Protein backbone atom coordinates (compact mmCIF):
# COMPACT_ATOMS: atom_id res chain seq x y z
CA MET A 1 0.15 0.03 -0.06
CA THR A 2 1.75 3.37 -0.76
CA PRO A 3 1.63 5.88 1.76
CA ARG A 4 -0.82 8.33 -0.24
CA ARG A 5 -3.55 5.20 -0.37
CA MET A 6 -2.95 4.66 3.44
CA ARG A 7 -3.32 8.11 4.59
CA PHE A 8 -6.95 7.74 2.32
CA ALA A 9 -7.87 4.42 4.54
CA LEU A 10 -7.16 5.82 7.80
CA ILE A 11 -9.20 9.29 6.85
CA VAL A 12 -11.75 7.25 6.01
CA THR A 13 -12.09 5.63 9.33
CA VAL A 14 -10.86 8.62 11.60
CA ILE A 15 -13.73 11.46 10.06
CA ILE A 16 -16.18 9.27 9.84
CA ALA A 17 -15.83 6.60 12.29
CA ALA A 18 -12.97 5.65 14.70
CA ALA A 19 -11.42 8.37 16.31
CA ALA A 20 -8.80 5.82 17.66
CA VAL A 21 -7.12 6.27 14.14
CA ALA A 22 -7.28 9.73 14.37
CA THR A 23 -3.82 10.43 15.68
CA ALA A 24 -2.10 8.33 12.99
CA ILE A 25 -3.36 10.28 10.07
CA TRP A 26 -4.47 13.61 11.47
CA GLY A 27 -1.78 15.90 12.26
CA ARG A 28 -3.05 16.75 15.90
CA SER A 29 -2.23 18.86 18.86
CA ASP A 30 -2.49 17.48 22.34
CA SER A 31 -4.97 20.04 23.22
CA ALA A 32 -7.26 23.03 21.20
CA PRO A 33 -7.18 26.60 22.33
CA VAL A 34 -9.78 27.93 24.19
CA SER A 35 -10.35 30.67 21.78
CA ASP A 36 -9.06 30.41 17.90
CA GLY A 37 -10.65 32.08 15.46
CA PRO A 38 -12.76 30.06 13.01
CA PHE A 39 -12.09 26.75 14.53
CA LEU A 40 -14.76 24.97 17.25
CA THR A 41 -13.34 24.76 20.67
CA ALA A 42 -13.88 22.59 23.39
CA ASP A 43 -16.14 25.25 24.98
CA ASP A 44 -18.50 24.65 21.95
CA PHE A 45 -19.17 21.11 22.15
CA PRO A 46 -21.31 19.07 24.95
CA SER A 47 -19.43 18.14 28.17
CA GLY A 48 -16.87 15.28 27.80
CA TYR A 49 -15.40 15.77 24.34
CA GLN A 50 -11.55 15.90 23.82
CA VAL A 51 -10.89 18.59 21.01
CA SER A 52 -7.81 18.46 19.00
CA ARG A 53 -6.54 20.16 15.96
CA LEU A 54 -6.44 18.39 12.64
CA SER A 55 -4.63 19.41 9.16
CA ASN A 56 -4.90 17.16 6.21
CA THR A 57 -4.55 17.20 2.21
CA ALA A 58 -4.89 13.68 1.51
CA PRO A 59 -7.20 13.35 -1.76
CA SER A 60 -10.71 11.41 -2.04
CA GLY A 61 -10.31 7.71 -3.84
CA ILE A 62 -7.72 4.69 -4.41
CA GLY A 63 -6.89 4.89 -7.74
CA GLY A 64 -8.03 1.69 -9.68
CA ALA A 65 -10.45 1.44 -11.81
CA THR A 66 -14.03 2.91 -11.05
CA THR A 67 -17.40 1.43 -11.47
CA PRO A 68 -19.61 3.08 -13.02
CA ALA A 69 -16.74 3.65 -15.72
CA GLU A 70 -18.51 7.54 -16.03
CA CYS A 71 -17.51 7.84 -12.48
CA GLY A 72 -13.39 7.73 -13.20
CA PRO A 73 -13.18 11.23 -14.37
CA VAL A 74 -15.57 13.01 -11.70
CA VAL A 75 -13.68 11.59 -8.83
CA ALA A 76 -10.40 11.97 -10.02
CA ASP A 77 -11.11 15.36 -10.91
CA GLN A 78 -12.23 15.75 -7.24
CA ALA A 79 -8.91 14.19 -6.07
CA ALA A 80 -7.01 16.68 -8.10
CA ARG A 81 -9.28 20.01 -6.73
CA GLU A 82 -8.71 18.47 -3.28
CA LEU A 83 -4.85 18.06 -3.69
CA ARG A 84 -4.76 22.01 -4.57
CA SER A 85 -6.97 22.73 -1.08
CA THR A 86 -5.42 23.00 2.07
CA THR A 87 -7.61 21.47 5.04
CA VAL A 88 -7.16 22.60 8.69
CA GLY A 89 -9.90 21.97 11.44
CA VAL A 90 -10.38 19.87 14.54
CA LEU A 91 -11.59 16.84 15.95
CA ALA A 92 -13.93 16.20 18.94
CA VAL A 93 -13.90 12.75 20.36
CA PRO A 94 -16.22 11.62 23.04
CA LYS A 95 -15.56 10.23 26.05
CA ASP A 96 -18.99 7.79 25.66
CA ALA A 97 -18.45 5.57 22.95
CA ALA A 98 -21.94 5.58 22.23
CA LEU A 99 -21.94 9.56 21.58
CA PRO A 100 -20.97 10.83 17.99
CA THR A 101 -17.40 11.81 17.05
CA PHE A 102 -17.48 15.13 15.13
CA ALA A 103 -15.01 17.15 13.03
CA GLN A 104 -14.61 20.51 11.77
CA ALA A 105 -12.72 21.05 8.34
CA ILE A 106 -11.96 24.58 6.63
CA VAL A 107 -11.12 24.20 3.28
CA THR A 108 -9.26 27.08 1.06
CA GLY A 109 -8.69 26.47 -2.05
CA GLY A 110 -9.54 23.57 -4.44
CA GLU A 111 -13.22 22.29 -3.13
CA SER A 112 -16.18 24.31 -3.33
CA VAL A 113 -19.97 22.97 -2.00
CA SER A 114 -21.25 23.58 -5.47
CA ASP A 115 -18.47 21.05 -6.64
CA THR A 116 -19.33 18.90 -3.98
CA VAL A 117 -23.01 18.85 -4.74
CA GLY A 118 -21.87 18.66 -8.22
CA VAL A 119 -20.08 15.28 -7.81
CA VAL A 120 -22.88 13.27 -5.81
CA ARG A 121 -25.14 14.55 -7.97
CA ARG A 122 -23.53 12.96 -11.06
CA CYS A 123 -21.81 9.52 -8.87
CA SER A 124 -23.77 9.58 -5.98
CA SER A 125 -22.80 5.62 -5.56
CA TYR A 126 -19.13 4.44 -7.01
CA ARG A 127 -16.80 1.82 -6.62
CA GLN A 128 -12.84 2.05 -6.88
CA GLN A 129 -10.91 -1.22 -7.01
CA THR A 130 -7.28 -1.86 -7.13
CA ASP A 131 -5.26 -5.15 -7.01
CA THR A 132 -4.77 -4.99 -3.02
CA GLU A 133 -7.63 -2.08 -2.40
CA MET A 134 -11.80 -1.86 -2.67
CA LEU A 135 -13.80 1.38 -1.77
CA GLU A 136 -17.24 1.57 -1.96
CA SER A 137 -19.26 5.12 -1.72
CA VAL A 138 -23.07 5.89 -1.45
CA SER A 139 -23.93 9.47 -0.91
CA SER A 140 -27.41 11.23 -0.90
CA ILE A 141 -28.17 14.78 -0.21
CA LEU A 142 -30.86 15.12 2.61
CA PRO A 143 -33.26 17.98 3.02
CA THR A 144 -31.56 20.60 5.18
CA PRO A 145 -32.78 20.10 8.55
CA ALA A 146 -34.74 22.95 10.35
CA GLY A 147 -31.77 24.35 12.83
CA CYS A 148 -28.81 24.34 10.24
CA PRO A 149 -27.67 27.13 8.31
CA ARG A 150 -30.31 28.09 5.36
CA ASP A 151 -27.41 27.78 2.55
CA ALA A 152 -26.04 24.53 4.17
CA VAL A 153 -25.73 21.53 1.82
CA VAL A 154 -26.48 18.19 4.47
CA ILE A 155 -25.15 15.13 2.58
CA ARG A 156 -25.18 11.62 4.42
CA VAL A 157 -22.00 9.26 3.32
CA ARG A 158 -21.91 5.38 3.74
CA THR A 159 -18.49 4.04 2.91
CA ARG A 160 -16.67 0.77 2.74
CA PHE A 161 -13.22 -0.17 2.87
CA GLY A 162 -11.32 -3.30 2.27
CA SER A 163 -7.48 -4.35 2.17
CA PRO A 164 -5.26 -6.81 3.14
CA THR A 165 -4.90 -4.92 6.68
CA GLY A 166 -8.31 -4.54 7.15
CA ASN A 167 -11.71 -3.44 6.70
CA SER A 168 -14.59 -0.84 7.23
CA ASP A 169 -18.13 0.42 6.80
CA SER A 170 -18.58 3.77 8.10
CA THR A 171 -21.43 6.44 8.06
CA SER A 172 -21.49 10.08 8.67
CA VAL A 173 -23.44 13.20 7.80
CA ARG A 174 -21.61 16.09 6.60
CA ALA A 175 -22.63 19.68 6.73
CA TYR A 176 -20.94 22.21 3.85
CA VAL A 177 -21.38 25.43 3.92
CA GLN A 178 -19.78 28.13 1.66
CA GLY A 179 -17.87 31.09 3.27
CA ARG A 180 -16.48 33.75 0.67
CA ALA A 181 -12.80 32.23 0.22
CA THR A 182 -13.45 29.08 2.16
CA MET A 183 -15.65 26.14 2.24
CA GLY A 184 -16.49 24.68 6.18
CA ILE A 185 -17.33 21.14 6.84
CA LEU A 186 -19.06 19.88 9.83
CA THR A 187 -18.99 15.55 9.79
CA ALA A 188 -20.74 13.96 12.45
CA SER A 189 -20.30 9.89 12.84
CA LEU A 190 -23.32 7.43 13.23
CA THR A 191 -23.37 4.17 14.62
CA GLN A 192 -25.70 2.61 12.20
CA PRO A 193 -26.28 3.95 8.61
CA GLU A 194 -29.51 5.48 8.85
CA GLN A 195 -29.25 7.01 12.42
CA PRO A 196 -30.89 10.48 12.66
CA LEU A 197 -28.91 13.27 13.12
CA PRO A 198 -27.02 13.97 16.54
CA ASP A 199 -28.80 16.84 18.38
CA ASP A 200 -26.05 18.88 18.79
CA PHE A 201 -25.69 18.58 14.58
CA CYS A 202 -27.18 22.05 13.52
CA ARG A 203 -26.01 24.08 16.46
CA LEU A 204 -22.85 22.76 15.53
CA ALA A 205 -23.39 23.30 11.86
CA SER A 206 -24.57 27.16 12.66
CA LEU A 207 -20.95 27.75 14.23
CA VAL A 208 -19.08 26.60 11.61
CA ALA A 209 -20.82 28.85 9.12
CA ASP A 210 -20.76 31.80 11.41
CA ARG A 211 -17.14 31.93 11.84
CA LEU A 212 -16.25 31.40 8.36
CA ASP A 213 -14.69 34.25 6.26
């Protein structure tokens, strides 16, 4: 497995499921500052969350053959945009494993909310296969929930990843909000594919939107 693919394999798990792997892939500080510009802080999350800084530039996908074939260029173009972007944010991990893990990302350059929506509309479901790895992604755009920013795009994503070193099956809900020069993303892990939105999801998404440029 190449370093780039290893990074993505772990990101699939980190962002939308297993917080325990987070320190292996994201650049992470021991704790988030009490107040730090656009970033969510420990005070923004419910009691019992450990908040750490994130930094990542690995693109989507694992390469290889894409099914359906017409999604290959779509996914490749998205990966190219992500390579041109800078992504920073925070990870909030609960002490209680039954609670959702949250991640905030601030993306500068490259991918925009309209780009992401275009990818989901053209390729809501696709599979990538290499000699040793498999990635399946299924996404759906949800009606914007009451309490979330009016212009937020909310997407449910289920990702299955398989390789000789392990497998994952993860579901998340993500709110995308567009600023003038940056895109904000709030990701919440789900323990079940059809689980409702976490109680704090829209409140946190609103904070992400309010703190964009």
